[in-house]
Amino acid sequence: MAVGRSGARALMVALLLSVAGCGAGAQREVPLDDLTAEDIFKLGELELESGRRNNDAIRYFEEVERLYPYTEFAKRALIMQAFSQHKAENYEEARAAAQRYLDFYPGSDDAAYAQYLLALSYYDQIDEVGRDQGLTFQALQALREVIEQYPDSEYADSAILKFELAFDHLASKEMEIGRYYLKRGNYTAAINRFRVVVQDYQTTTHTAEALHRLVEAYLALGLTDEAQTAGAILGYNYQSSPFYDDTYRLLTGQGLSLEAKGDSWLSQIYRQVIRGEWL
């Protein structure tokens, strides 16, 4: 019985899928030029679903874009390239594919997802606090784009959560360096780091400790007005924190109270707190 063109194509795809499913010893390059964009796209989807060869999935999606540019399947293949590259932890390549998608299809329904993948390609590289935080800043910028440009998308809530975690990560970095200086008696350098947390990262989980460390550092320098003011801010906002208890004991043990004194940068923050303009 004669086989029509569509039947022949279906038969070819079935044959290719069976080859793709064979063991490593049976793998060979498969001809793609005679397949439709949809056929090649499905090969990429199969490789993704199998979870065996991400690189093959990436190659198929790239071939769709190369052989059938400006088609709907090329558009879909590009976002799948970004997804596949991210899944393979090829973060630079994932960013490049996601950015190309945004450049070519800014008004697409998948533009929000492309921006989210771009942000994830930075975010998922944030690991140890001790490493350079350039990627964290880039993740924050990319996540902000998701939040501000696509507030109604299904990715907005996740982007907000990751933004807060990345923001907290930066504060953690400042705290780590500040503790290092404090431990070694370099009080001025420590104060500079803790000040950054109090002024720039006050919504993070590290603010209470930063204020307590400021009390320690200022007392070590004999700057009691600043130490008392830091304690007053801590008491006003974080009385339930264990750092408040430590600060209270530290100051009252030296006959000092937790109250704002002087006209330092901390005094200005204290006045903002009283007026409800801080945090």
C-alpha atoms as a PDB file:
ATOM      1  CA  MET A   1       0.000   0.000   0.000  1.00  0.00           C
ATOM      2  CA  ALA A   2       1.392   3.415  -0.921  1.00  0.00           C
ATOM      3  CA  VAL A   3       2.298   5.715   1.922  1.00  0.00           C
ATOM      4  CA  GLY A   4       1.438   9.407   1.584  1.00  0.00           C
ATOM      5  CA  ARG A   5       3.875  12.212   2.365  1.00  0.00           C
ATOM      6  CA  SER A   6       2.420  12.833   5.824  1.00  0.00           C
ATOM      7  CA  GLY A   7       2.488   9.114   6.550  1.00  0.00           C
ATOM      8  CA  ALA A   8       6.101   8.882   5.441  1.00  0.00           C
ATOM      9  CA  ARG A   9       7.020  11.785   7.692  1.00  0.00           C
ATOM     10  CA  ALA A  10       5.278  10.155  10.634  1.00  0.00           C
ATOM     11  CA  LEU A  11       7.111   6.921   9.901  1.00  0.00           C
ATOM     12  CA  MET A  12      10.430   8.793   9.807  1.00  0.00           C
ATOM     13  CA  VAL A  13       9.746  10.474  13.121  1.00  0.00           C
ATOM     14  CA  ALA A  14       8.848   7.136  14.669  1.00  0.00           C
ATOM     15  CA  LEU A  15      12.107   5.692  13.380  1.00  0.00           C
ATOM     16  CA  LEU A  16      14.101   8.620  14.736  1.00  0.00           C
ATOM     17  CA  LEU A  17      12.427   8.308  18.121  1.00  0.00           C
ATOM     18  CA  SER A  18      13.320   4.624  18.282  1.00  0.00           C
ATOM     19  CA  VAL A  19      16.948   5.449  17.465  1.00  0.00           C
ATOM     20  CA  ALA A  20      16.971   8.201  20.105  1.00  0.00           C
ATOM     21  CA  GLY A  21      15.678   5.705  22.638  1.00  0.00           C
ATOM     22  CA  CYS A  22      18.454   3.189  22.016  1.00  0.00           C
ATOM     23  CA  GLY A  23      21.432   2.710  24.280  1.00  0.00           C
ATOM     24  CA  ALA A  24      24.609   4.749  24.029  1.00  0.00           C
ATOM     25  CA  GLY A  25      26.237   2.245  21.700  1.00  0.00           C
ATOM     26  CA  ALA A  26      23.456   2.610  19.146  1.00  0.00           C
ATOM     27  CA  GLN A  27      23.340   6.408  19.134  1.00  0.00           C
ATOM     28  CA  ARG A  28      24.069   8.131  15.831  1.00  0.00           C
ATOM     29  CA  GLU A  29      23.388  11.448  14.204  1.00  0.00           C
ATOM     30  CA  VAL A  30      19.892  11.587  12.798  1.00  0.00           C
ATOM     31  CA  PRO A  31      19.087  13.523   9.599  1.00  0.00           C
ATOM     32  CA  LEU A  32      16.801  16.447  10.347  1.00  0.00           C
ATOM     33  CA  ASP A  33      16.590  18.400   7.090  1.00  0.00           C
ATOM     34  CA  ASP A  34      13.653  16.356   5.807  1.00  0.00           C
ATOM     35  CA  LEU A  35      11.648  16.717   9.003  1.00  0.00           C
ATOM     36  CA  THR A  36       9.159  19.475   9.744  1.00  0.00           C
ATOM     37  CA  ALA A  37       9.678  22.016  12.477  1.00  0.00           C
ATOM     38  CA  GLU A  38       7.050  20.226  14.538  1.00  0.00           C
ATOM     39  CA  ASP A  39       8.808  16.862  14.107  1.00  0.00           C
ATOM     40  CA  ILE A  40      12.161  18.216  15.307  1.00  0.00           C
ATOM     41  CA  PHE A  41      10.488  20.083  18.134  1.00  0.00           C
ATOM     42  CA  LYS A  42       8.888  16.843  19.297  1.00  0.00           C
ATOM     43  CA  LEU A  43      12.279  15.138  19.273  1.00  0.00           C
ATOM     44  CA  GLY A  44      13.518  17.846  21.626  1.00  0.00           C
ATOM     45  CA  GLU A  45      10.523  17.371  23.880  1.00  0.00           C
ATOM     46  CA  LEU A  46      11.143  13.622  23.951  1.00  0.00           C
ATOM     47  CA  GLU A  47      14.732  14.097  25.082  1.00  0.00           C
ATOM     48  CA  LEU A  48      13.595  16.486  27.801  1.00  0.00           C
ATOM     49  CA  GLU A  49      10.936  14.075  29.019  1.00  0.00           C
ATOM     50  CA  SER A  50      13.378  11.163  29.068  1.00  0.00           C
ATOM     51  CA  GLY A  51      15.752  13.184  31.234  1.00  0.00           C
ATOM     52  CA  ARG A  52      18.717  11.396  29.675  1.00  0.00           C
ATOM     53  CA  ARG A  53      20.337  13.791  27.213  1.00  0.00           C
ATOM     54  CA  ASN A  54      19.699  17.482  27.774  1.00  0.00           C
ATOM     55  CA  ASN A  55      22.307  18.358  25.182  1.00  0.00           C
ATOM     56  CA  ASP A  56      20.377  16.474  22.515  1.00  0.00           C
ATOM     57  CA  ALA A  57      17.211  18.331  23.459  1.00  0.00           C
ATOM     58  CA  ILE A  58      19.073  21.625  23.174  1.00  0.00           C
ATOM     59  CA  ARG A  59      20.428  20.614  19.755  1.00  0.00           C
ATOM     60  CA  TYR A  60      16.974  19.771  18.443  1.00  0.00           C
ATOM     61  CA  PHE A  61      15.517  23.072  19.603  1.00  0.00           C
ATOM     62  CA  GLU A  62      18.452  24.931  18.061  1.00  0.00           C
ATOM     63  CA  GLU A  63      17.882  23.088  14.784  1.00  0.00           C
ATOM     64  CA  VAL A  64      14.241  24.137  14.728  1.00  0.00           C
ATOM     65  CA  GLU A  65      15.325  27.750  14.954  1.00  0.00           C
ATOM     66  CA  ARG A  66      18.070  27.287  12.336  1.00  0.00           C
ATOM     67  CA  LEU A  67      16.043  25.351   9.777  1.00  0.00           C
ATOM     68  CA  TYR A  68      12.710  27.114  10.285  1.00  0.00           C
ATOM     69  CA  PRO A  69      13.422  30.712  11.363  1.00  0.00           C
ATOM     70  CA  TYR A  70      10.554  33.143  11.891  1.00  0.00           C
ATOM     71  CA  THR A  71       8.055  30.337  12.395  1.00  0.00           C
ATOM     72  CA  GLU A  72       5.882  29.719  15.426  1.00  0.00           C
ATOM     73  CA  PHE A  73       7.880  26.593  16.195  1.00  0.00           C
ATOM     74  CA  ALA A  74      11.129  28.578  16.043  1.00  0.00           C
ATOM     75  CA  LYS A  75       9.628  30.930  18.614  1.00  0.00           C
ATOM     76  CA  ARG A  76       8.626  28.030  20.850  1.00  0.00           C
ATOM     77  CA  ALA A  77      11.989  26.343  20.342  1.00  0.00           C
ATOM     78  CA  LEU A  78      13.839  29.437  21.531  1.00  0.00           C
ATOM     79  CA  ILE A  79      12.071  29.526  24.897  1.00  0.00           C
ATOM     80  CA  MET A  80      12.668  25.780  25.187  1.00  0.00           C
ATOM     81  CA  GLN A  81      16.359  26.387  24.526  1.00  0.00           C
ATOM     82  CA  ALA A  82      16.448  28.748  27.481  1.00  0.00           C
ATOM     83  CA  PHE A  83      14.630  26.200  29.650  1.00  0.00           C
ATOM     84  CA  SER A  84      16.845  23.287  28.524  1.00  0.00           C
ATOM     85  CA  GLN A  85      20.063  25.228  29.009  1.00  0.00           C
ATOM     86  CA  HIS A  86      18.975  26.214  32.495  1.00  0.00           C
ATOM     87  CA  LYS A  87      18.023  22.651  33.311  1.00  0.00           C
ATOM     88  CA  ALA A  88      21.500  21.565  32.165  1.00  0.00           C
ATOM     89  CA  GLU A  89      22.992  24.300  34.400  1.00  0.00           C
ATOM     90  CA  ASN A  90      24.434  26.056  31.360  1.00  0.00           C
ATOM     91  CA  TYR A  91      23.544  29.389  32.902  1.00  0.00           C
ATOM     92  CA  GLU A  92      25.278  31.737  30.477  1.00  0.00           C
ATOM     93  CA  GLU A  93      23.680  29.974  27.520  1.00  0.00           C
ATOM     94  CA  ALA A  94      20.296  30.043  29.272  1.00  0.00           C
ATOM     95  CA  ARG A  95      20.623  33.792  29.772  1.00  0.00           C
ATOM     96  CA  ALA A  96      21.590  34.316  26.157  1.00  0.00           C
ATOM     97  CA  ALA A  97      18.598  32.326  24.861  1.00  0.00           C
ATOM     98  CA  ALA A  98      16.178  34.033  27.250  1.00  0.00           C
ATOM     99  CA  GLN A  99      17.493  37.468  26.294  1.00  0.00           C
ATOM    100  CA  ARG A 100      17.181  36.677  22.581  1.00  0.00           C
ATOM    101  CA  TYR A 101      13.583  35.629  23.181  1.00  0.00           C
ATOM    102  CA  LEU A 102      12.873  38.918  24.935  1.00  0.00           C
ATOM    103  CA  ASP A 103      14.553  40.848  22.123  1.00  0.00           C
ATOM    104  CA  PHE A 104      12.630  39.031  19.369  1.00  0.00           C
ATOM    105  CA  TYR A 105       9.258  38.518  21.083  1.00  0.00           C
ATOM    106  CA  PRO A 106       8.834  41.176  23.793  1.00  0.00           C
ATOM    107  CA  GLY A 107       5.052  41.063  23.573  1.00  0.00           C
ATOM    108  CA  SER A 108       4.735  37.290  23.627  1.00  0.00           C
ATOM    109  CA  ASP A 109       2.760  35.374  26.223  1.00  0.00           C
ATOM    110  CA  ASP A 110       6.024  33.672  27.220  1.00  0.00           C
ATOM    111  CA  ALA A 111       7.971  36.915  27.668  1.00  0.00           C
ATOM    112  CA  ALA A 112       7.344  36.832  31.419  1.00  0.00           C
ATOM    113  CA  TYR A 113       8.684  33.294  31.581  1.00  0.00           C
ATOM    114  CA  ALA A 114      11.752  34.269  29.527  1.00  0.00           C
ATOM    115  CA  GLN A 115      12.494  37.098  31.963  1.00  0.00           C
ATOM    116  CA  TYR A 116      11.957  34.734  34.883  1.00  0.00           C
ATOM    117  CA  LEU A 117      14.369  32.189  33.371  1.00  0.00           C
ATOM    118  CA  LEU A 118      16.910  34.945  32.832  1.00  0.00           C
ATOM    119  CA  ALA A 119      16.603  35.921  36.494  1.00  0.00           C
ATOM    120  CA  LEU A 120      16.853  32.284  37.615  1.00  0.00           C
ATOM    121  CA  SER A 121      20.054  31.856  35.631  1.00  0.00           C
ATOM    122  CA  TYR A 122      21.620  34.413  37.975  1.00  0.00           C
ATOM    123  CA  TYR A 123      19.746  33.426  41.120  1.00  0.00           C
ATOM    124  CA  ASP A 124      20.632  29.738  40.935  1.00  0.00           C
ATOM    125  CA  GLN A 125      24.324  30.632  40.937  1.00  0.00           C
ATOM    126  CA  ILE A 126      24.076  32.371  44.302  1.00  0.00           C
ATOM    127  CA  ASP A 127      25.587  29.924  46.753  1.00  0.00           C
ATOM    128  CA  GLU A 128      28.171  30.628  49.423  1.00  0.00           C
ATOM    129  CA  VAL A 129      27.957  33.940  51.243  1.00  0.00           C
ATOM    130  CA  GLY A 130      31.714  34.330  50.986  1.00  0.00           C
ATOM    131  CA  ARG A 131      31.806  34.555  47.195  1.00  0.00           C
ATOM    132  CA  ASP A 132      31.688  37.709  45.111  1.00  0.00           C
ATOM    133  CA  GLN A 133      28.140  39.044  45.123  1.00  0.00           C
ATOM    134  CA  GLY A 134      28.026  40.419  41.571  1.00  0.00           C
ATOM    135  CA  LEU A 135      25.658  37.645  40.532  1.00  0.00           C
ATOM    136  CA  THR A 136      23.376  38.510  43.440  1.00  0.00           C
ATOM    137  CA  PHE A 137      23.052  42.102  42.239  1.00  0.00           C
ATOM    138  CA  GLN A 138      22.327  40.887  38.711  1.00  0.00           C
ATOM    139  CA  ALA A 139      19.731  38.443  40.045  1.00  0.00           C
ATOM    140  CA  LEU A 140      18.041  41.260  41.962  1.00  0.00           C
ATOM    141  CA  GLN A 141      17.910  43.432  38.868  1.00  0.00           C
ATOM    142  CA  ALA A 142      16.479  40.641  36.707  1.00  0.00           C
ATOM    143  CA  LEU A 143      13.948  39.632  39.377  1.00  0.00           C
ATOM    144  CA  ARG A 144      12.848  43.243  39.714  1.00  0.00           C
ATOM    145  CA  GLU A 145      12.114  43.233  35.985  1.00  0.00           C
ATOM    146  CA  VAL A 146       9.761  40.279  36.471  1.00  0.00           C
ATOM    147  CA  ILE A 147       8.037  41.953  39.408  1.00  0.00           C
ATOM    148  CA  GLU A 148       7.644  45.356  37.768  1.00  0.00           C
ATOM    149  CA  GLN A 149       7.000  44.410  34.137  1.00  0.00           C
ATOM    150  CA  TYR A 150       4.902  41.292  34.724  1.00  0.00           C
ATOM    151  CA  PRO A 151       3.147  41.861  38.078  1.00  0.00           C
ATOM    152  CA  ASP A 152       0.101  39.807  37.059  1.00  0.00           C
ATOM    153  CA  SER A 153       2.064  36.840  35.721  1.00  0.00           C
ATOM    154  CA  GLU A 154       2.244  33.490  37.459  1.00  0.00           C
ATOM    155  CA  TYR A 155       5.948  34.119  38.092  1.00  0.00           C
ATOM    156  CA  ALA A 156       5.579  37.379  40.028  1.00  0.00           C
ATOM    157  CA  ASP A 157       5.063  35.816  43.475  1.00  0.00           C
ATOM    158  CA  SER A 158       8.045  33.509  43.057  1.00  0.00           C
ATOM    159  CA  ALA A 159      10.152  36.438  41.841  1.00  0.00           C
ATOM    160  CA  ILE A 160       9.187  38.477  44.919  1.00  0.00           C
ATOM    161  CA  LEU A 161      10.185  35.630  47.246  1.00  0.00           C
ATOM    162  CA  LYS A 162      13.504  35.109  45.471  1.00  0.00           C
ATOM    163  CA  PHE A 163      14.136  38.852  45.450  1.00  0.00           C
ATOM    164  CA  GLU A 164      13.718  38.959  49.227  1.00  0.00           C
ATOM    165  CA  LEU A 165      16.025  35.970  49.674  1.00  0.00           C
ATOM    166  CA  ALA A 166      18.686  37.474  47.399  1.00  0.00           C
ATOM    167  CA  PHE A 167      18.388  40.800  49.217  1.00  0.00           C
ATOM    168  CA  ASP A 168      18.858  38.959  52.508  1.00  0.00           C
ATOM    169  CA  HIS A 169      21.886  37.250  50.995  1.00  0.00           C
ATOM    170  CA  LEU A 170      23.578  40.605  50.363  1.00  0.00           C
ATOM    171  CA  ALA A 171      22.924  41.663  53.948  1.00  0.00           C
ATOM    172  CA  SER A 172      24.395  38.368  55.120  1.00  0.00           C
ATOM    173  CA  LYS A 173      27.565  39.148  53.185  1.00  0.00           C
ATOM    174  CA  GLU A 174      27.883  42.533  54.913  1.00  0.00           C
ATOM    175  CA  MET A 175      27.313  40.898  58.290  1.00  0.00           C
ATOM    176  CA  GLU A 176      29.956  38.277  57.658  1.00  0.00           C
ATOM    177  CA  ILE A 177      32.572  40.912  56.819  1.00  0.00           C
ATOM    178  CA  GLY A 178      31.469  43.104  59.730  1.00  0.00           C
ATOM    179  CA  ARG A 179      31.848  40.239  62.198  1.00  0.00           C
ATOM    180  CA  TYR A 180      35.299  39.519  60.785  1.00  0.00           C
ATOM    181  CA  TYR A 181      36.429  43.089  61.451  1.00  0.00           C
ATOM    182  CA  LEU A 182      34.729  43.205  64.862  1.00  0.00           C
ATOM    183  CA  LYS A 183      36.451  40.029  65.999  1.00  0.00           C
ATOM    184  CA  ARG A 184      39.822  41.467  65.029  1.00  0.00           C
ATOM    185  CA  GLY A 185      39.252  44.797  66.770  1.00  0.00           C
ATOM    186  CA  ASN A 186      38.908  46.823  63.586  1.00  0.00           C
ATOM    187  CA  TYR A 187      35.872  48.595  64.962  1.00  0.00           C
ATOM    188  CA  THR A 188      35.564  51.415  62.441  1.00  0.00           C
ATOM    189  CA  ALA A 189      35.554  48.997  59.499  1.00  0.00           C
ATOM    190  CA  ALA A 190      33.035  46.799  61.324  1.00  0.00           C
ATOM    191  CA  ILE A 191      30.753  49.774  61.994  1.00  0.00           C
ATOM    192  CA  ASN A 192      30.807  50.696  58.316  1.00  0.00           C
ATOM    193  CA  ARG A 193      29.554  47.230  57.378  1.00  0.00           C
ATOM    194  CA  PHE A 194      26.843  47.084  60.036  1.00  0.00           C
ATOM    195  CA  ARG A 195      25.737  50.592  59.058  1.00  0.00           C
ATOM    196  CA  VAL A 196      25.117  49.376  55.505  1.00  0.00           C
ATOM    197  CA  VAL A 197      22.812  46.664  56.845  1.00  0.00           C
ATOM    198  CA  VAL A 198      20.874  49.082  59.060  1.00  0.00           C
ATOM    199  CA  GLN A 199      20.534  51.738  56.364  1.00  0.00           C
ATOM    200  CA  ASP A 200      20.230  49.720  53.149  1.00  0.00           C
ATOM    201  CA  TYR A 201      18.980  46.284  54.201  1.00  0.00           C
ATOM    202  CA  GLN A 202      16.698  47.143  57.095  1.00  0.00           C
ATOM    203  CA  THR A 203      13.914  44.852  55.888  1.00  0.00           C
ATOM    204  CA  THR A 204      16.118  41.763  56.081  1.00  0.00           C
ATOM    205  CA  THR A 205      16.515  39.304  58.948  1.00  0.00           C
ATOM    206  CA  HIS A 206      19.931  40.710  59.839  1.00  0.00           C
ATOM    207  CA  THR A 207      19.005  44.174  61.093  1.00  0.00           C
ATOM    208  CA  ALA A 208      18.588  43.234  64.768  1.00  0.00           C
ATOM    209  CA  GLU A 209      22.029  41.645  64.910  1.00  0.00           C
ATOM    210  CA  ALA A 210      23.568  44.566  63.012  1.00  0.00           C
ATOM    211  CA  LEU A 211      22.242  46.968  65.655  1.00  0.00           C
ATOM    212  CA  HIS A 212      23.573  44.779  68.445  1.00  0.00           C
ATOM    213  CA  ARG A 213      27.001  44.593  66.795  1.00  0.00           C
ATOM    214  CA  LEU A 214      26.967  48.367  66.462  1.00  0.00           C
ATOM    215  CA  VAL A 215      26.416  48.592  70.213  1.00  0.00           C
ATOM    216  CA  GLU A 216      29.420  46.324  70.772  1.00  0.00           C
ATOM    217  CA  ALA A 217      31.645  48.243  68.371  1.00  0.00           C
ATOM    218  CA  TYR A 218      30.684  51.704  69.641  1.00  0.00           C
ATOM    219  CA  LEU A 219      31.169  50.670  73.263  1.00  0.00           C
ATOM    220  CA  ALA A 220      34.612  49.317  72.373  1.00  0.00           C
ATOM    221  CA  LEU A 221      35.455  52.766  70.959  1.00  0.00           C
ATOM    222  CA  GLY A 222      33.983  54.540  73.969  1.00  0.00           C
ATOM    223  CA  LEU A 223      31.209  56.127  71.895  1.00  0.00           C
ATOM    224  CA  THR A 224      28.395  55.636  74.370  1.00  0.00           C
ATOM    225  CA  ASP A 225      25.874  57.999  72.736  1.00  0.00           C
ATOM    226  CA  GLU A 226      25.961  56.003  69.519  1.00  0.00           C
ATOM    227  CA  ALA A 227      25.824  52.702  71.421  1.00  0.00           C
ATOM    228  CA  GLN A 228      22.788  53.810  73.420  1.00  0.00           C
ATOM    229  CA  THR A 229      21.024  55.070  70.292  1.00  0.00           C
ATOM    230  CA  ALA A 230      21.611  51.780  68.476  1.00  0.00           C
ATOM    231  CA  GLY A 231      20.196  50.018  71.522  1.00  0.00           C
ATOM    232  CA  ALA A 232      17.155  52.305  71.523  1.00  0.00           C
ATOM    233  CA  ILE A 233      16.391  51.467  67.884  1.00  0.00           C
ATOM    234  CA  LEU A 234      16.823  47.783  68.624  1.00  0.00           C
ATOM    235  CA  GLY A 235      14.472  48.049  71.590  1.00  0.00           C
ATOM    236  CA  TYR A 236      11.890  49.978  69.600  1.00  0.00           C
ATOM    237  CA  ASN A 237      11.699  47.517  66.708  1.00  0.00           C
ATOM    238  CA  TYR A 238      13.071  44.187  67.881  1.00  0.00           C
ATOM    239  CA  GLN A 239      12.251  43.669  71.558  1.00  0.00           C
ATOM    240  CA  SER A 240      11.394  40.032  70.888  1.00  0.00           C
ATOM    241  CA  SER A 241      14.825  39.403  69.372  1.00  0.00           C
ATOM    242  CA  PRO A 242      17.470  37.628  71.471  1.00  0.00           C
ATOM    243  CA  PHE A 243      19.854  40.365  70.329  1.00  0.00           C
ATOM    244  CA  TYR A 244      17.743  42.858  72.271  1.00  0.00           C
ATOM    245  CA  ASP A 245      18.321  40.881  75.472  1.00  0.00           C
ATOM    246  CA  ASP A 246      22.070  40.818  74.810  1.00  0.00           C
ATOM    247  CA  THR A 247      22.122  44.548  74.105  1.00  0.00           C
ATOM    248  CA  TYR A 248      20.064  45.336  77.192  1.00  0.00           C
ATOM    249  CA  ARG A 249      22.455  43.404  79.423  1.00  0.00           C
ATOM    250  CA  LEU A 250      25.492  44.923  77.747  1.00  0.00           C
ATOM    251  CA  LEU A 251      24.338  48.529  78.131  1.00  0.00           C
ATOM    252  CA  THR A 252      22.738  48.331  81.570  1.00  0.00           C
ATOM    253  CA  GLY A 253      25.756  46.406  82.800  1.00  0.00           C
ATOM    254  CA  GLN A 254      27.762  49.565  82.148  1.00  0.00           C
ATOM    255  CA  GLY A 255      25.145  51.824  83.717  1.00  0.00           C
ATOM    256  CA  LEU A 256      23.791  52.952  80.350  1.00  0.00           C
ATOM    257  CA  SER A 257      20.202  53.132  79.119  1.00  0.00           C
ATOM    258  CA  LEU A 258      18.657  52.330  75.782  1.00  0.00           C
ATOM    259  CA  GLU A 259      17.830  55.856  74.633  1.00  0.00           C
ATOM    260  CA  ALA A 260      18.676  58.106  71.710  1.00  0.00           C
ATOM    261  CA  LYS A 261      21.505  60.520  72.387  1.00  0.00           C
ATOM    262  CA  GLY A 262      23.556  62.917  70.308  1.00  0.00           C
ATOM    263  CA  ASP A 263      23.067  63.688  66.615  1.00  0.00           C
ATOM    264  CA  SER A 264      24.713  60.811  64.790  1.00  0.00           C
ATOM    265  CA  TRP A 265      23.361  58.948  61.754  1.00  0.00           C
ATOM    266  CA  LEU A 266      21.716  56.565  64.211  1.00  0.00           C
ATOM    267  CA  SER A 267      19.899  59.455  65.900  1.00  0.00           C
ATOM    268  CA  GLN A 268      18.435  60.445  62.538  1.00  0.00           C
ATOM    269  CA  ILE A 269      17.223  56.883  62.010  1.00  0.00           C
ATOM    270  CA  TYR A 270      15.753  56.843  65.507  1.00  0.00           C
ATOM    271  CA  ARG A 271      13.742  59.983  64.757  1.00  0.00           C
ATOM    272  CA  GLN A 272      12.484  58.370  61.557  1.00  0.00           C
ATOM    273  CA  VAL A 273      11.450  55.303  63.537  1.00  0.00           C
ATOM    274  CA  ILE A 274       9.493  57.401  66.033  1.00  0.00           C
ATOM    275  CA  ARG A 275       7.702  59.148  63.138  1.00  0.00           C
ATOM    276  CA  GLY A 276       6.967  55.780  61.569  1.00  0.00           C
ATOM    277  CA  GLU A 277       8.948  56.553  58.395  1.00  0.00           C
ATOM    278  CA  TRP A 278      11.540  53.807  58.836  1.00  0.00           C
ATOM    279  CA  LEU A 279      11.131  50.218  57.605  1.00  0.00           C
END
